[in-house]
C-alpha atoms as a PDB file:
ATOM      1  CA  MET A   1      -7.140  13.517  -7.933  1.00  0.00           C
ATOM      2  CA  ARG A   2      -7.910   9.966  -9.030  1.00  0.00           C
ATOM      3  CA  GLU A   3      -8.333  11.165 -12.599  1.00  0.00           C
ATOM      4  CA  LEU A   4      -4.607  11.822 -12.599  1.00  0.00           C
ATOM      5  CA  TYR A   5      -3.949   8.085 -12.934  1.00  0.00           C
ATOM      6  CA  ALA A   6      -6.267   7.869 -15.942  1.00  0.00           C
ATOM      7  CA  LEU A   7      -3.920  10.068 -17.973  1.00  0.00           C
ATOM      8  CA  ASP A   8      -1.701   8.168 -20.407  1.00  0.00           C
ATOM      9  CA  ASP A   9       0.813  10.896 -21.225  1.00  0.00           C
ATOM     10  CA  GLU A  10       3.587  11.419 -18.652  1.00  0.00           C
ATOM     11  CA  ASP A  11       4.143  15.072 -19.604  1.00  0.00           C
ATOM     12  CA  LEU A  12       0.444  15.854 -19.403  1.00  0.00           C
ATOM     13  CA  ALA A  13       0.278  14.150 -15.992  1.00  0.00           C
ATOM     14  CA  ALA A  14       3.240  16.226 -14.773  1.00  0.00           C
ATOM     15  CA  GLN A  15       1.605  19.419 -15.989  1.00  0.00           C
ATOM     16  CA  TRP A  16      -1.723  18.428 -14.454  1.00  0.00           C
ATOM     17  CA  ILE A  17      -0.255  17.554 -11.039  1.00  0.00           C
ATOM     18  CA  ASP A  18       1.827  20.758 -10.959  1.00  0.00           C
ATOM     19  CA  GLU A  19      -1.288  22.818 -11.595  1.00  0.00           C
ATOM     20  CA  LEU A  20      -3.228  20.852  -8.986  1.00  0.00           C
ATOM     21  CA  ILE A  21      -0.454  21.352  -6.401  1.00  0.00           C
ATOM     22  CA  ARG A  22      -0.326  25.062  -7.146  1.00  0.00           C
ATOM     23  CA  ASP A  23      -4.115  25.395  -6.835  1.00  0.00           C
ATOM     24  CA  MET A  24      -4.345  23.349  -3.636  1.00  0.00           C
ATOM     25  CA  ASN A  25      -1.561  25.298  -1.905  1.00  0.00           C
ATOM     26  CA  ASP A  26      -3.349  28.618  -2.350  1.00  0.00           C
ATOM     27  CA  LEU A  27      -3.647  30.245   1.103  1.00  0.00           C
ATOM     28  CA  SER A  28      -7.267  31.197   0.411  1.00  0.00           C
ATOM     29  CA  TRP A  29      -8.259  27.525   0.664  1.00  0.00           C
ATOM     30  CA  PRO A  30      -9.008  25.929   4.062  1.00  0.00           C
ATOM     31  CA  ILE A  31      -6.376  23.692   5.664  1.00  0.00           C
ATOM     32  CA  LYS A  32      -8.355  20.569   4.717  1.00  0.00           C
ATOM     33  CA  VAL A  33      -7.671  21.383   1.061  1.00  0.00           C
ATOM     34  CA  ARG A  34      -4.082  22.535   1.517  1.00  0.00           C
ATOM     35  CA  SER A  35      -3.037  19.428   3.450  1.00  0.00           C
ATOM     36  CA  PRO A  36      -3.594  17.021   0.509  1.00  0.00           C
ATOM     37  CA  GLY A  37      -1.847  19.597  -1.678  1.00  0.00           C
ATOM     38  CA  ARG A  38       1.287  19.309   0.483  1.00  0.00           C
ATOM     39  CA  THR A  39       1.070  15.521   0.270  1.00  0.00           C
ATOM     40  CA  LEU A  40       0.854  15.691  -3.521  1.00  0.00           C
ATOM     41  CA  LYS A  41       3.875  17.980  -3.565  1.00  0.00           C
ATOM     42  CA  ARG A  42       5.924  15.467  -1.528  1.00  0.00           C
ATOM     43  CA  TRP A  43       4.844  12.511  -3.705  1.00  0.00           C
ATOM     44  CA  ARG A  44       4.942  14.322  -7.065  1.00  0.00           C
ATOM     45  CA  ASP A  45       8.032  12.575  -8.435  1.00  0.00           C
ATOM     46  CA  LEU A  46       6.779   9.111  -7.472  1.00  0.00           C
ATOM     47  CA  ILE A  47       3.370   9.768  -9.000  1.00  0.00           C
ATOM     48  CA  ILE A  48       5.015  10.870 -12.238  1.00  0.00           C
ATOM     49  CA  ALA A  49       7.264   7.785 -12.112  1.00  0.00           C
ATOM     50  CA  TRP A  50       4.121   5.645 -12.058  1.00  0.00           C
ATOM     51  CA  HIS A  51       3.096   7.208 -15.363  1.00  0.00           C
ATOM     52  CA  ARG A  52       6.477   6.273 -16.804  1.00  0.00           C
ATOM     53  CA  ALA A  53       6.551   2.647 -15.631  1.00  0.00           C
ATOM     54  CA  LYS A  54       2.849   1.833 -15.008  1.00  0.00           C
ATOM     55  CA  PHE A  55       3.970  -0.229 -12.048  1.00  0.00           C
ATOM     56  CA  ALA A  56       3.335   0.110  -8.321  1.00  0.00           C
ATOM     57  CA  ASN A  57       4.611  -1.756  -5.280  1.00  0.00           C
ATOM     58  CA  ALA A  58       1.098  -2.280  -3.916  1.00  0.00           C
ATOM     59  CA  PRO A  59       1.259  -6.111  -4.071  1.00  0.00           C
ATOM     60  CA  THR A  60       4.471  -6.086  -2.024  1.00  0.00           C
ATOM     61  CA  GLU A  61       2.990  -3.667   0.497  1.00  0.00           C
ATOM     62  CA  ALA A  62      -0.131  -5.840   0.772  1.00  0.00           C
ATOM     63  CA  ALA A  63       1.973  -8.932   1.497  1.00  0.00           C
ATOM     64  CA  ASN A  64       3.995  -7.057   4.137  1.00  0.00           C
ATOM     65  CA  ASN A  65       0.777  -5.805   5.734  1.00  0.00           C
ATOM     66  CA  LEU A  66      -0.626  -9.347   5.851  1.00  0.00           C
ATOM     67  CA  ILE A  67       2.577 -10.671   7.467  1.00  0.00           C
ATOM     68  CA  LYS A  68       2.552  -7.936  10.116  1.00  0.00           C
ATOM     69  CA  ARG A  69      -1.114  -8.557  10.938  1.00  0.00           C
ATOM     70  CA  MET A  70      -0.455 -12.295  11.247  1.00  0.00           C
ATOM     71  CA  LYS A  71       2.425 -11.641  13.619  1.00  0.00           C
ATOM     72  CA  ARG A  72       0.193  -9.458  15.803  1.00  0.00           C
ATOM     73  CA  VAL A  73      -2.573 -12.067  15.852  1.00  0.00           C
ATOM     74  CA  ALA A  74      -0.141 -14.873  16.692  1.00  0.00           C
ATOM     75  CA  PHE A  75       1.627 -12.948  19.430  1.00  0.00           C
ATOM     76  CA  GLY A  76       2.308 -15.179  22.393  1.00  0.00           C
ATOM     77  CA  PHE A  77       2.510 -18.529  20.604  1.00  0.00           C
ATOM     78  CA  ARG A  78       5.584 -20.357  21.864  1.00  0.00           C
ATOM     79  CA  ARG A  79       5.638 -23.217  19.405  1.00  0.00           C
ATOM     80  CA  PHE A  80       6.335 -22.669  15.751  1.00  0.00           C
ATOM     81  CA  GLY A  81       3.695 -25.249  14.794  1.00  0.00           C
ATOM     82  CA  ASN A  82       0.954 -23.236  16.502  1.00  0.00           C
ATOM     83  CA  TYR A  83       2.214 -20.052  14.875  1.00  0.00           C
ATOM     84  CA  ARG A  84       2.247 -21.777  11.487  1.00  0.00           C
ATOM     85  CA  ILE A  85      -1.340 -23.018  11.875  1.00  0.00           C
ATOM     86  CA  ARG A  86      -2.480 -19.535  12.884  1.00  0.00           C
ATOM     87  CA  ALA A  87      -0.692 -18.017   9.885  1.00  0.00           C
ATOM     88  CA  LEU A  88      -2.327 -20.489   7.498  1.00  0.00           C
ATOM     89  CA  LEU A  89      -5.750 -19.789   8.936  1.00  0.00           C
ATOM     90  CA  TYR A  90      -5.256 -16.040   8.844  1.00  0.00           C
ATOM     91  CA  ALA A  91      -4.077 -16.084   5.220  1.00  0.00           C
ATOM     92  CA  GLY A  92      -7.551 -17.115   4.159  1.00  0.00           C
ATOM     93  CA  LYS A  93      -7.078 -20.199   1.995  1.00  0.00           C
ATOM     94  CA  PRO A  94      -4.973 -22.589   4.026  1.00  0.00           C
ATOM     95  CA  ASN A  95      -3.398 -25.609   2.420  1.00  0.00           C
ATOM     96  CA  TRP A  96      -4.493 -28.225   4.913  1.00  0.00           C
ATOM     97  CA  ASP A  97      -1.953 -30.700   3.523  1.00  0.00           C
ATOM     98  CA  LEU A  98       0.762 -28.558   5.118  1.00  0.00           C
ATOM     99  CA  LEU A  99      -0.667 -29.348   8.551  1.00  0.00           C
ATOM    100  CA  THR A 100       0.433 -32.952   8.185  1.00  0.00           C
ATOM    101  CA  THR A 101       4.037 -31.764   8.057  1.00  0.00           C
ATOM    102  CA  ILE A 102       3.764 -30.474  11.616  1.00  0.00           C
ATOM    103  CA  THR A 103       4.917 -33.053  14.110  1.00  0.00           C
ATOM    104  CA  PRO A 104       3.408 -32.748  17.585  1.00  0.00           C
ATOM    105  CA  ARG A 105       5.741 -32.797  20.566  1.00  0.00           C
END
């Protein structure tokens, strides 16, 4: 399935994914093969759109995932300053100069 993204031609990719979906939805295959086939069928148009634009929203999804994980880790902090420090530490490369902008109470 990963070879699909190596194709440069949008029409060839559409033909290839249609054939793959048809093959994977054959009732003679076990459910573990048919299940990804159903997923491909649902995502077909978006996969083909990737071949048209060569762009994905993965960086945005990664940033959203990082923000959600930080919120879970910082759950329970009552002061914004503590939450901010935790977020900077969790992000990996904190800018320690930002810590001087936090005024203790």
